[in-house]
Amino acid sequence: MKTEKIKLKLKDGNIVEAQAPLIVSASRATDIPAFYSKWFFDRLQEGYVRWRNPYTGKDSYVSFDKTKFIVFWSKNPEPIIPYLPLLMQHKIFCYFQYTLNEYDAERLEPNVPPLTTRIETFKRIVNILGKGSVVWRFDPMVLTDRISIDDLLHKIENIANQLTGYVEKLVFSFADIATYKKVGRNLSAAGINYREWTENEMLDFAQKLSALNLGLELATCAEKIDLSQFGINHNHCIDSDLICRLAPDLQNEISTLKTDKGQRTLCGCITSKDIGAYNTCPHGCAYCYANTTPYCARQNYLRHKQSPQNDSII
């Protein structure tokens, strides 16, 4: 099923064509829950958002008229918690892809809250939405002169122990810095002595991760390497099975959706519409592929704060 197109009446009275997706992704490109929660729910009330294509610069409109499910992506979704009841009013279901890393000491994520606070936020959302509605991501796995494979395994085990009873699945990926030249530049500018993963290191990590027996489903995100011998699958982050589990009444509609061709080749997500914008997340993570530089993202965020009623993030 292709994304439906509808005629949309804007606030100024103009009529435009808009996409009307069943599933909205909010967002791979920026952290909407952490920094744009009020904006997002204002737009949900208004019924639409204006989205700018990052490659062409062309604006288009996305209507929430047909939206029945939202996948949120965040490193700090605490600000969105007070707004979650509004989704119920709109009869929209959701789950969170929650990136919960432990890089506090290494300053790879300088503007996220302390780990203990983020773990408490994870538990709060599970208590509101139910187990399975928050997927734990440790993403990406970064190797540096201060972070070894064993260090990463220790960090994962530490978080997993604190999330016992609240989490079912761990999704991870290996930092692929060579693919994103700006990431290497930003890491170097931050004084991070990183290195790429070798295939043998990936296999060694996977074997040791599996041996931890965390009691979690393990999956990789858009990774070419086959780790199935260690019980690690390829993930579908916009996951039809999970959506149908959380919202069984959507099963017939979800079954018509195909794999999203707009994502990376190795991505297994079903079709959704992402409404985020690159260069707008001020977390300042040194490895971020979505920002050209932390400074650029911060400036765009500050501009947004000056015009929070805008129909677009930028």
Protein backbone atom coordinates (compact mmCIF):
# COMPACT_ATOMS: atom_id res chain seq x y z
CA MET A 1 0.00 0.00 0.00
CA LYS A 2 1.37 3.39 -1.01
CA THR A 3 1.06 6.35 1.33
CA GLU A 4 -2.32 7.93 0.71
CA LYS A 5 -2.49 11.47 -0.67
CA ILE A 6 -5.21 13.86 0.46
CA LYS A 7 -6.20 17.49 0.01
CA LEU A 8 -5.19 19.48 3.09
CA LYS A 9 -6.47 22.89 4.15
CA LEU A 10 -3.70 24.91 5.79
CA LYS A 11 -4.16 27.37 8.61
CA ASP A 12 -4.00 30.25 6.11
CA GLY A 13 -6.82 28.71 4.07
CA ASN A 14 -4.73 27.44 1.16
CA ILE A 15 -5.43 23.93 -0.14
CA VAL A 16 -2.39 21.69 -0.77
CA GLU A 17 -1.72 18.03 -1.46
CA ALA A 18 -0.37 16.12 1.53
CA GLN A 19 0.84 12.65 2.37
CA ALA A 20 -1.38 10.89 4.91
CA PRO A 21 0.73 8.03 6.31
CA LEU A 22 -0.55 5.23 8.51
CA ILE A 23 2.75 5.20 10.47
CA VAL A 24 4.79 8.28 11.40
CA SER A 25 8.46 8.06 12.43
CA ALA A 26 9.43 10.80 14.89
CA SER A 27 12.27 10.73 14.12
CA ARG A 28 15.43 9.14 12.79
CA ALA A 29 16.73 12.60 11.87
CA THR A 30 16.40 14.37 15.23
CA ASP A 31 15.27 13.81 18.82
CA ILE A 32 11.68 15.05 18.75
CA PRO A 33 10.74 13.68 22.22
CA ALA A 34 13.72 15.39 23.89
CA PHE A 35 13.56 18.81 22.23
CA TYR A 36 10.37 19.20 20.18
CA SER A 37 7.61 17.47 22.17
CA LYS A 38 5.40 20.54 22.55
CA TRP A 39 5.91 21.45 18.89
CA PHE A 40 4.99 17.92 17.83
CA PHE A 41 1.78 17.78 19.83
CA ASP A 42 0.83 21.28 18.72
CA ARG A 43 1.21 20.06 15.14
CA LEU A 44 -0.77 16.91 15.93
CA GLN A 45 -3.61 19.10 17.21
CA GLU A 46 -3.33 21.27 14.09
CA GLY A 47 -3.45 18.13 11.94
CA TYR A 48 -0.37 18.47 9.78
CA VAL A 49 3.33 19.25 9.59
CA ARG A 50 5.50 20.76 6.87
CA TRP A 51 8.52 18.60 6.04
CA ARG A 52 11.61 19.66 4.09
CA ASN A 53 13.40 17.08 1.97
CA PRO A 54 17.06 17.22 3.11
CA TYR A 55 18.37 16.32 -0.35
CA THR A 56 16.24 18.56 -2.59
CA GLY A 57 15.30 21.31 -0.13
CA LYS A 58 11.70 21.00 -1.32
CA ASP A 59 8.87 21.38 1.19
CA SER A 60 5.88 19.05 1.35
CA TYR A 61 3.05 18.46 3.79
CA VAL A 62 2.28 15.48 5.97
CA SER A 63 -1.24 15.09 7.35
CA PHE A 64 -2.00 13.15 10.53
CA ASP A 65 -5.52 12.43 9.28
CA LYS A 66 -4.84 8.72 8.65
CA THR A 67 -2.08 8.22 11.23
CA LYS A 68 -2.72 5.38 13.67
CA PHE A 69 0.77 4.60 14.93
CA ILE A 70 3.88 6.61 15.80
CA VAL A 71 7.38 5.28 16.39
CA PHE A 72 9.36 7.70 18.55
CA TRP A 73 13.17 7.72 18.57
CA SER A 74 14.98 9.34 21.48
CA LYS A 75 17.90 9.45 23.90
CA ASN A 76 15.89 11.41 26.46
CA PRO A 77 12.12 11.00 26.04
CA GLU A 78 11.32 12.37 29.51
CA PRO A 79 9.88 15.67 28.14
CA ILE A 80 7.26 13.80 26.12
CA ILE A 81 5.77 11.88 29.05
CA PRO A 82 3.15 14.53 30.01
CA TYR A 83 1.88 14.55 26.41
CA LEU A 84 1.37 10.79 25.98
CA PRO A 85 -2.32 10.89 27.10
CA LEU A 86 -3.01 13.12 24.06
CA LEU A 87 -2.17 10.20 21.79
CA MET A 88 -4.96 8.21 23.40
CA GLN A 89 -7.34 11.08 22.69
CA HIS A 90 -6.38 10.84 19.02
CA LYS A 91 -6.63 7.00 19.14
CA ILE A 92 -2.98 6.72 18.10
CA PHE A 93 -0.70 3.97 19.41
CA CYS A 94 3.08 4.21 19.78
CA TYR A 95 6.31 2.65 20.89
CA PHE A 96 9.78 4.06 21.56
CA GLN A 97 13.13 3.24 20.08
CA TYR A 98 15.10 4.39 23.13
CA THR A 99 18.86 4.80 22.63
CA LEU A 100 20.28 4.17 26.09
CA ASN A 101 24.08 4.17 25.90
CA GLU A 102 26.67 4.48 28.63
CA TYR A 103 29.23 6.93 27.30
CA ASP A 104 29.05 9.42 30.19
CA ALA A 105 32.70 9.11 31.23
CA GLU A 106 33.98 9.30 27.65
CA ARG A 107 31.88 12.42 26.85
CA LEU A 108 30.62 10.98 23.58
CA GLU A 109 27.13 12.25 24.43
CA PRO A 110 27.81 15.51 26.30
CA ASN A 111 24.25 16.82 26.58
CA VAL A 112 22.21 13.78 27.57
CA PRO A 113 21.09 13.38 31.20
CA PRO A 114 23.03 11.04 33.53
CA LEU A 115 22.54 7.33 32.93
CA THR A 116 20.60 6.82 36.16
CA THR A 117 18.07 9.47 35.11
CA ARG A 118 17.68 7.95 31.64
CA ILE A 119 17.10 4.49 33.11
CA GLU A 120 14.37 5.89 35.36
CA THR A 121 12.75 7.52 32.32
CA PHE A 122 12.83 4.15 30.53
CA LYS A 123 10.97 2.55 33.44
CA ARG A 124 8.42 5.38 33.66
CA ILE A 125 7.45 5.01 30.02
CA VAL A 126 7.17 1.22 30.33
CA ASN A 127 4.89 1.71 33.33
CA ILE A 128 2.68 3.99 31.21
CA LEU A 129 2.65 2.13 27.89
CA GLY A 130 3.41 -1.46 28.93
CA LYS A 131 6.32 -3.83 28.49
CA GLY A 132 7.44 -4.12 24.87
CA SER A 133 6.54 -0.51 24.13
CA VAL A 134 10.12 0.62 24.78
CA VAL A 135 12.88 -1.02 22.74
CA TRP A 136 16.39 -0.62 24.14
CA ARG A 137 19.06 0.47 21.67
CA PHE A 138 22.75 0.60 22.51
CA ASP A 139 23.63 2.35 19.31
CA PRO A 140 26.23 2.72 18.01
CA MET A 141 28.93 0.56 19.52
CA VAL A 142 32.02 2.78 19.39
CA LEU A 143 35.62 1.61 19.78
CA THR A 144 38.22 4.14 20.94
CA ASP A 145 41.51 4.18 22.81
CA ARG A 146 39.37 4.33 25.98
CA ILE A 147 36.59 1.89 25.00
CA SER A 148 37.35 -1.76 24.28
CA ILE A 149 35.03 -4.64 23.41
CA ASP A 150 35.09 -5.78 27.02
CA ASP A 151 34.25 -2.24 28.15
CA LEU A 152 31.19 -2.23 25.89
CA LEU A 153 30.06 -5.60 27.19
CA HIS A 154 30.40 -4.35 30.77
CA LYS A 155 28.34 -1.26 29.95
CA ILE A 156 25.61 -3.36 28.35
CA GLU A 157 25.46 -5.78 31.25
CA ASN A 158 25.27 -2.89 33.71
CA ILE A 159 22.28 -1.34 31.97
CA ALA A 160 20.58 -4.69 31.37
CA ASN A 161 20.75 -5.52 35.07
CA GLN A 162 19.05 -2.22 35.92
CA LEU A 163 16.32 -2.77 33.32
CA THR A 164 15.41 -6.28 34.46
CA GLY A 165 11.65 -6.69 34.16
CA TYR A 166 11.28 -3.64 31.92
CA VAL A 167 12.89 -4.64 28.64
CA GLU A 168 12.59 -7.49 26.16
CA LYS A 169 14.96 -6.58 23.36
CA LEU A 170 18.37 -5.03 22.73
CA VAL A 171 19.16 -3.53 19.32
CA PHE A 172 22.68 -2.43 18.43
CA SER A 173 24.90 -1.45 15.53
CA PHE A 174 28.64 -1.10 15.02
CA ALA A 175 29.86 2.45 14.41
CA ASP A 176 30.60 2.78 10.69
CA ILE A 177 32.59 5.97 10.77
CA ALA A 178 34.24 5.64 7.37
CA THR A 179 30.86 5.83 5.63
CA TYR A 180 30.08 9.24 7.14
CA LYS A 181 33.09 11.54 6.68
CA LYS A 182 31.56 14.28 8.84
CA VAL A 183 31.38 11.80 11.74
CA GLY A 184 35.12 11.19 11.58
CA ARG A 185 35.77 14.95 11.47
CA ASN A 186 33.51 15.61 14.46
CA LEU A 187 35.05 12.79 16.50
CA SER A 188 38.53 14.09 15.77
CA ALA A 189 37.47 17.64 16.63
CA ALA A 190 36.17 16.34 19.97
CA GLY A 191 39.51 14.65 20.67
CA ILE A 192 38.06 11.12 20.36
CA ASN A 193 40.65 8.61 19.15
CA TYR A 194 38.27 6.20 17.43
CA ARG A 195 38.86 3.18 15.25
CA GLU A 196 36.75 1.11 12.89
CA TRP A 197 35.44 -2.35 13.72
CA THR A 198 36.94 -5.34 11.92
CA GLU A 199 34.75 -8.30 11.01
CA ASN A 200 36.63 -10.51 13.47
CA GLU A 201 35.97 -8.00 16.24
CA MET A 202 32.27 -7.96 15.39
CA LEU A 203 32.15 -11.75 15.62
CA ASP A 204 34.08 -11.73 18.89
CA PHE A 205 31.76 -9.11 20.35
CA ALA A 206 28.64 -11.01 19.24
CA GLN A 207 29.88 -14.27 20.75
CA LYS A 208 30.65 -12.60 24.08
CA LEU A 209 27.38 -10.66 24.09
CA SER A 210 25.42 -13.85 23.53
CA ALA A 211 27.38 -15.56 26.31
CA LEU A 212 26.21 -12.94 28.82
CA ASN A 213 22.78 -14.62 28.75
CA LEU A 214 20.95 -11.37 29.37
CA GLY A 215 17.56 -12.95 28.73
CA LEU A 216 16.89 -10.47 25.91
CA GLU A 217 16.18 -10.80 22.23
CA LEU A 218 19.29 -9.50 20.44
CA ALA A 219 19.24 -7.78 17.06
CA THR A 220 21.41 -5.59 14.85
CA CYS A 221 20.26 -2.49 12.98
CA ALA A 222 21.08 -2.36 9.25
CA GLU A 223 24.24 -4.47 9.64
CA LYS A 224 25.46 -6.61 6.75
CA ILE A 225 27.25 -9.15 8.93
CA ASP A 226 25.32 -12.33 9.76
CA LEU A 227 25.40 -13.00 13.49
CA SER A 228 22.62 -15.58 13.56
CA GLN A 229 25.01 -18.27 14.80
CA PHE A 230 25.02 -16.32 18.09
CA GLY A 231 21.24 -15.94 18.19
CA ILE A 232 21.40 -12.33 16.94
CA ASN A 233 18.89 -11.37 14.24
CA HIS A 234 18.53 -8.47 11.80
CA ASN A 235 16.15 -5.93 13.30
CA HIS A 236 13.11 -4.17 11.83
CA CYS A 237 12.94 -0.90 13.76
CA ILE A 238 9.57 0.03 12.23
CA ASP A 239 8.37 -3.44 13.11
CA SER A 240 5.08 -4.82 11.77
CA ASP A 241 5.01 -7.64 14.32
CA LEU A 242 5.47 -5.31 17.28
CA ILE A 243 2.93 -2.82 15.94
CA CYS A 244 0.33 -5.55 15.51
CA ARG A 245 1.07 -6.86 18.99
CA LEU A 246 0.56 -3.43 20.55
CA ALA A 247 -2.38 -2.48 18.29
CA PRO A 248 -4.06 -5.71 17.10
CA ASP A 249 -6.86 -3.84 15.33
CA LEU A 250 -4.31 -2.48 12.83
CA GLN A 251 -3.24 -5.92 11.62
CA ASN A 252 -5.10 -5.78 8.29
CA GLU A 253 -3.80 -2.33 7.42
CA ILE A 254 -0.23 -3.10 8.51
CA SER A 255 -0.19 -6.25 6.40
CA THR A 256 -0.50 -4.12 3.25
CA LEU A 257 2.70 -2.16 3.96
CA LYS A 258 5.93 -3.12 2.21
CA THR A 259 9.58 -2.67 3.12
CA ASP A 260 10.55 1.01 3.13
CA LYS A 261 12.65 1.58 -0.01
CA GLY A 262 13.67 5.01 1.23
CA GLN A 263 15.91 3.57 3.95
CA ARG A 264 19.35 2.01 3.83
CA THR A 265 19.71 -1.14 1.73
CA LEU A 266 20.03 -3.39 4.78
CA CYS A 267 17.11 -1.79 6.65
CA GLY A 268 14.12 -4.07 7.16
CA CYS A 269 11.62 -1.42 8.30
CA ILE A 270 8.14 -1.26 6.83
CA THR A 271 6.93 1.96 5.22
CA SER A 272 6.51 5.00 7.44
CA LYS A 273 6.88 8.75 7.04
CA ASP A 274 9.68 10.44 8.94
CA ILE A 275 8.89 14.05 9.86
CA GLY A 276 12.22 15.08 11.40
CA ALA A 277 14.97 17.38 10.15
CA TYR A 278 18.73 16.92 10.12
CA ASN A 279 20.97 19.43 11.90
CA THR A 280 18.42 20.11 14.64
CA CYS A 281 19.39 17.83 17.56
CA PRO A 282 21.46 19.64 20.23
CA HIS A 283 22.48 16.54 22.17
CA GLY A 284 25.92 17.13 20.64
CA CYS A 285 26.84 13.44 20.32
CA ALA A 286 30.32 13.21 18.85
CA TYR A 287 29.45 10.29 16.53
CA CYS A 288 26.13 11.70 15.21
CA TYR A 289 25.50 11.14 11.49
CA ALA A 290 22.44 13.46 11.47
CA ASN A 291 24.31 16.69 12.22
CA THR A 292 26.96 18.36 10.11
CA THR A 293 28.43 19.83 13.30
CA PRO A 294 27.12 20.17 16.88
CA TYR A 295 27.27 23.97 16.50
CA CYS A 296 25.03 23.93 13.41
CA ALA A 297 22.44 21.78 15.18
CA ARG A 298 22.48 24.01 18.25
CA GLN A 299 21.92 27.15 16.17
CA ASN A 300 18.97 25.59 14.35
CA TYR A 301 17.46 24.53 17.68
CA LEU A 302 17.80 28.06 19.06
CA ARG A 303 16.12 29.45 15.94
CA HIS A 304 13.27 27.00 16.44
CA LYS A 305 12.85 28.22 20.03
CA GLN A 306 12.30 31.73 18.64
CA SER A 307 9.42 30.50 16.43
CA PRO A 308 7.96 27.45 18.20
CA GLN A 309 4.62 27.74 16.38
CA ASN A 310 6.22 27.15 12.99
CA ASP A 311 4.66 24.27 11.03
CA SER A 312 8.17 22.86 10.43
CA ILE A 313 11.01 22.12 12.84
CA ILE A 314 13.30 24.36 10.81
